[in-house]
Amino acid sequence: MDVSLIFKIAAVGILVSVVSQVLKQSGREEHAFLTSLAGLILVLFWIVPFIYDLFETMKKLFSL
């Protein structure tokens, strides 16, 4: 896992939280929810390959 991925996830989290708060304050709760959901999906797309590699490594480790 690269350190830049952690910084990307942190940046997306900060950006999503700021945009979400601005949208909530302006009365657009639906858009704030969709923004949060889009941020979550983006981060999941970045993390899923690492999780897949983890499970493949565990499978190789415990296979007889």
C-alpha atoms as a PDB file:
ATOM      1  CA  MET A   1       0.000   0.000   0.000  1.00  0.00           C
ATOM      2  CA  ASP A   2       1.363   3.356  -0.982  1.00  0.00           C
ATOM      3  CA  VAL A   3       1.361   6.346   1.352  1.00  0.00           C
ATOM      4  CA  SER A   4      -0.062   8.535  -1.406  1.00  0.00           C
ATOM      5  CA  LEU A   5      -3.257   6.457  -1.317  1.00  0.00           C
ATOM      6  CA  ILE A   6      -3.719   7.338   2.350  1.00  0.00           C
ATOM      7  CA  PHE A   7      -3.286  11.024   1.532  1.00  0.00           C
ATOM      8  CA  LYS A   8      -5.787  10.729  -1.340  1.00  0.00           C
ATOM      9  CA  ILE A   9      -8.358   9.136   0.965  1.00  0.00           C
ATOM     10  CA  ALA A  10      -7.788  11.858   3.563  1.00  0.00           C
ATOM     11  CA  ALA A  11      -8.158  14.577   0.926  1.00  0.00           C
ATOM     12  CA  VAL A  12     -11.393  13.082  -0.359  1.00  0.00           C
ATOM     13  CA  GLY A  13     -12.702  12.833   3.201  1.00  0.00           C
ATOM     14  CA  ILE A  14     -11.915  16.469   3.959  1.00  0.00           C
ATOM     15  CA  LEU A  15     -13.345  17.671   0.656  1.00  0.00           C
ATOM     16  CA  VAL A  16     -16.528  15.637   1.009  1.00  0.00           C
ATOM     17  CA  SER A  17     -17.097  16.809   4.570  1.00  0.00           C
ATOM     18  CA  VAL A  18     -16.683  20.473   3.627  1.00  0.00           C
ATOM     19  CA  VAL A  19     -18.947  20.219   0.586  1.00  0.00           C
ATOM     20  CA  SER A  20     -21.498  18.242   2.572  1.00  0.00           C
ATOM     21  CA  GLN A  21     -21.617  20.846   5.332  1.00  0.00           C
ATOM     22  CA  VAL A  22     -22.023  23.660   2.818  1.00  0.00           C
ATOM     23  CA  LEU A  23     -24.847  21.826   1.099  1.00  0.00           C
ATOM     24  CA  LYS A  24     -26.573  21.042   4.395  1.00  0.00           C
ATOM     25  CA  GLN A  25     -26.387  24.685   5.465  1.00  0.00           C
ATOM     26  CA  SER A  26     -27.971  25.773   2.193  1.00  0.00           C
ATOM     27  CA  GLY A  27     -30.859  23.343   2.652  1.00  0.00           C
ATOM     28  CA  ARG A  28     -29.849  20.730   0.103  1.00  0.00           C
ATOM     29  CA  GLU A  29     -29.658  17.634   2.280  1.00  0.00           C
ATOM     30  CA  GLU A  30     -30.265  15.300  -0.670  1.00  0.00           C
ATOM     31  CA  HIS A  31     -27.279  16.668  -2.547  1.00  0.00           C
ATOM     32  CA  ALA A  32     -25.156  16.440   0.600  1.00  0.00           C
ATOM     33  CA  PHE A  33     -26.086  12.764   0.950  1.00  0.00           C
ATOM     34  CA  LEU A  34     -25.265  12.084  -2.703  1.00  0.00           C
ATOM     35  CA  THR A  35     -21.914  13.846  -2.291  1.00  0.00           C
ATOM     36  CA  SER A  36     -21.069  11.677   0.695  1.00  0.00           C
ATOM     37  CA  LEU A  37     -22.141   8.564  -1.189  1.00  0.00           C
ATOM     38  CA  ALA A  38     -20.015   9.506  -4.203  1.00  0.00           C
ATOM     39  CA  GLY A  39     -16.979  10.019  -1.969  1.00  0.00           C
ATOM     40  CA  LEU A  40     -17.524   6.641  -0.329  1.00  0.00           C
ATOM     41  CA  ILE A  41     -17.833   4.880  -3.690  1.00  0.00           C
ATOM     42  CA  LEU A  42     -14.686   6.577  -4.987  1.00  0.00           C
ATOM     43  CA  VAL A  43     -12.661   5.483  -1.970  1.00  0.00           C
ATOM     44  CA  LEU A  44     -14.044   1.945  -2.189  1.00  0.00           C
ATOM     45  CA  PHE A  45     -12.928   1.711  -5.818  1.00  0.00           C
ATOM     46  CA  TRP A  46      -9.418   2.636  -4.685  1.00  0.00           C
ATOM     47  CA  ILE A  47      -9.367   0.165  -1.780  1.00  0.00           C
ATOM     48  CA  VAL A  48     -11.025  -2.926  -3.313  1.00  0.00           C
ATOM     49  CA  PRO A  49      -7.906  -4.078  -5.257  1.00  0.00           C
ATOM     50  CA  PHE A  50      -5.870  -4.032  -2.039  1.00  0.00           C
ATOM     51  CA  ILE A  51      -8.518  -6.055  -0.231  1.00  0.00           C
ATOM     52  CA  TYR A  52      -8.544  -8.530  -3.108  1.00  0.00           C
ATOM     53  CA  ASP A  53      -4.753  -8.885  -2.888  1.00  0.00           C
ATOM     54  CA  LEU A  54      -5.028  -9.413   0.860  1.00  0.00           C
ATOM     55  CA  PHE A  55      -7.494 -12.273   0.427  1.00  0.00           C
ATOM     56  CA  GLU A  56      -5.427 -13.834  -2.338  1.00  0.00           C
ATOM     57  CA  THR A  57      -2.354 -13.727  -0.105  1.00  0.00           C
ATOM     58  CA  MET A  58      -4.284 -15.302   2.762  1.00  0.00           C
ATOM     59  CA  LYS A  59      -5.588 -17.977   0.410  1.00  0.00           C
ATOM     60  CA  LYS A  60      -2.048 -18.802  -0.757  1.00  0.00           C
ATOM     61  CA  LEU A  61      -0.762 -18.781   2.801  1.00  0.00           C
ATOM     62  CA  PHE A  62      -3.310 -21.245   4.127  1.00  0.00           C
ATOM     63  CA  SER A  63      -3.633 -23.523   1.105  1.00  0.00           C
ATOM     64  CA  LEU A  64      -2.139 -26.963   1.531  1.00  0.00           C
END
